[in-house]
Protein backbone atom coordinates (compact mmCIF):
# COMPACT_ATOMS: atom_id res chain seq x y z
CA MET A 1 -50.93 48.44 -19.31
CA ILE A 2 -47.42 48.29 -18.12
CA LEU A 3 -46.73 46.02 -14.96
CA SER A 4 -43.61 46.03 -13.10
CA THR A 5 -42.33 44.96 -9.69
CA THR A 6 -39.83 48.08 -9.84
CA PRO A 7 -40.68 51.40 -8.61
CA THR A 8 -39.42 52.93 -11.93
CA LEU A 9 -38.89 51.91 -15.56
CA ASP A 10 -36.05 52.89 -17.78
CA GLY A 11 -37.29 55.08 -20.57
CA TYR A 12 -40.47 56.12 -18.79
CA ARG A 13 -41.12 59.04 -16.61
CA VAL A 14 -44.02 58.86 -14.07
CA ALA A 15 -46.31 61.87 -14.70
CA GLY A 16 -48.78 61.08 -11.89
CA TYR A 17 -49.41 58.81 -9.01
CA LEU A 18 -52.92 57.44 -8.81
CA GLY A 19 -52.67 55.60 -5.55
CA ILE A 20 -52.53 51.96 -4.73
CA VAL A 21 -54.65 49.47 -6.56
CA SER A 22 -55.22 45.71 -5.73
CA GLY A 23 -56.84 42.56 -6.81
CA GLU A 24 -57.79 39.72 -4.32
CA ALA A 25 -58.64 36.09 -5.22
CA VAL A 26 -59.69 33.43 -2.64
CA MET A 27 -59.42 29.70 -3.86
CA ARG A 28 -60.30 26.62 -2.15
CA ILE A 29 -58.47 23.23 -2.27
CA THR A 30 -60.79 20.16 -2.05
CA VAL A 31 -60.36 17.31 0.01
CA ALA A 32 -59.50 15.35 -2.85
CA GLU A 33 -56.83 17.64 -3.92
CA ALA A 34 -55.25 17.71 -0.43
CA PHE A 35 -55.31 14.08 -0.18
CA ALA A 36 -53.68 13.82 -3.72
CA ALA A 37 -50.95 16.24 -2.43
CA VAL A 38 -50.41 14.23 0.70
CA SER A 39 -50.07 10.97 -1.21
CA GLN A 40 -47.53 12.71 -3.61
CA ALA A 41 -45.61 13.96 -0.61
CA LEU A 42 -45.46 10.38 1.04
CA ALA A 43 -44.27 9.00 -2.41
CA GLY A 44 -41.37 11.30 -2.27
CA GLU A 45 -42.49 13.71 -5.14
CA ARG A 46 -41.56 17.34 -4.68
CA ARG A 47 -44.13 18.97 -6.82
CA PHE A 48 -47.68 19.44 -5.86
CA GLY A 49 -49.53 20.05 -9.11
CA HIS A 50 -53.05 20.80 -7.61
CA PHE A 51 -51.78 23.40 -5.34
CA GLU A 52 -49.41 24.85 -7.79
CA GLU A 53 -52.10 25.30 -10.32
CA ALA A 54 -54.51 26.81 -7.61
CA MET A 55 -51.87 29.33 -6.71
CA ARG A 56 -51.14 30.32 -10.53
CA THR A 57 -54.96 30.68 -11.23
CA ALA A 58 -55.37 32.65 -8.06
CA ARG A 59 -52.58 34.98 -8.98
CA GLN A 60 -53.72 35.57 -12.41
CA GLU A 61 -57.42 36.35 -11.17
CA ALA A 62 -55.83 38.77 -8.69
CA THR A 63 -53.68 40.46 -11.16
CA ALA A 64 -56.61 40.86 -13.79
CA LEU A 65 -58.63 42.43 -10.96
CA MET A 66 -55.72 44.74 -10.08
CA VAL A 67 -55.42 45.77 -13.71
CA LYS A 68 -59.14 46.43 -14.12
CA HIS A 69 -59.04 48.59 -11.19
CA ALA A 70 -55.98 50.58 -12.43
CA ARG A 71 -57.79 50.91 -15.91
CA GLU A 72 -60.90 52.36 -14.07
CA ILE A 73 -58.92 55.28 -12.56
CA GLY A 74 -57.08 55.91 -15.70
CA ALA A 75 -53.69 54.36 -15.19
CA GLN A 76 -51.26 53.50 -17.79
CA GLY A 77 -49.35 51.36 -15.59
CA VAL A 78 -48.80 49.79 -12.21
CA LEU A 79 -45.38 49.96 -10.57
CA GLY A 80 -43.96 48.50 -7.32
CA ILE A 81 -46.27 45.33 -7.67
CA ARG A 82 -46.08 42.95 -4.79
CA ILE A 83 -47.85 39.54 -4.26
CA ASP A 84 -48.96 38.21 -0.91
CA SER A 85 -50.55 34.88 -0.08
CA GLU A 86 -52.16 33.72 3.05
CA VAL A 87 -53.76 30.43 4.13
CA LEU A 88 -57.10 30.71 5.42
CA GLU A 89 -59.29 28.29 7.37
CA GLY A 90 -61.31 25.47 5.66
CA GLY A 91 -58.75 24.70 3.07
CA CYS A 92 -58.82 28.00 1.55
CA PHE A 93 -56.07 30.59 0.72
CA ALA A 94 -56.03 34.22 -0.43
CA MET A 95 -53.85 35.93 -2.98
CA THR A 96 -53.22 39.55 -3.08
CA VAL A 97 -51.70 41.52 -5.93
CA TYR A 98 -51.00 45.22 -5.40
CA GLY A 99 -49.07 48.16 -6.52
CA THR A 100 -49.15 51.95 -7.50
CA ALA A 101 -51.20 52.95 -10.40
CA VAL A 102 -49.33 55.67 -12.51
CA THR A 103 -49.58 57.64 -15.63
CA PHE A 104 -46.70 58.29 -17.78
CA ALA A 105 -45.39 61.59 -19.31
CA GLY A 106 -45.42 61.95 -23.10
CA ALA A 107 -46.87 59.41 -25.36
CA PRO A 108 -48.73 56.64 -23.82
CA PRO A 109 -46.56 53.47 -23.52
CA ALA A 110 -47.18 50.73 -26.05
CA GLU A 111 -49.48 47.89 -24.90
């Protein structure tokens, strides 16, 4: 599956647009993780490992769900990918990955 944030790819011609596909993941930061992050901030640290790891995991899960959806409808790629995140109540946040599912003309692109 070809994934790209760009609307086109050099060397590939889009044969069909199958529609928007997306994946969503909701993660929760525990009280202990939030406390650790605040402690790091008070100590002058600029990196927040717990939050960074949770965001990375959510992005990976959301991307995997988007790819699964794209495969289910026969896509060979997803173009114009965008990633959004939102803070929710209760220490949760949501990550959404979405783009346009496409097929390519000619031989399918290499995996």
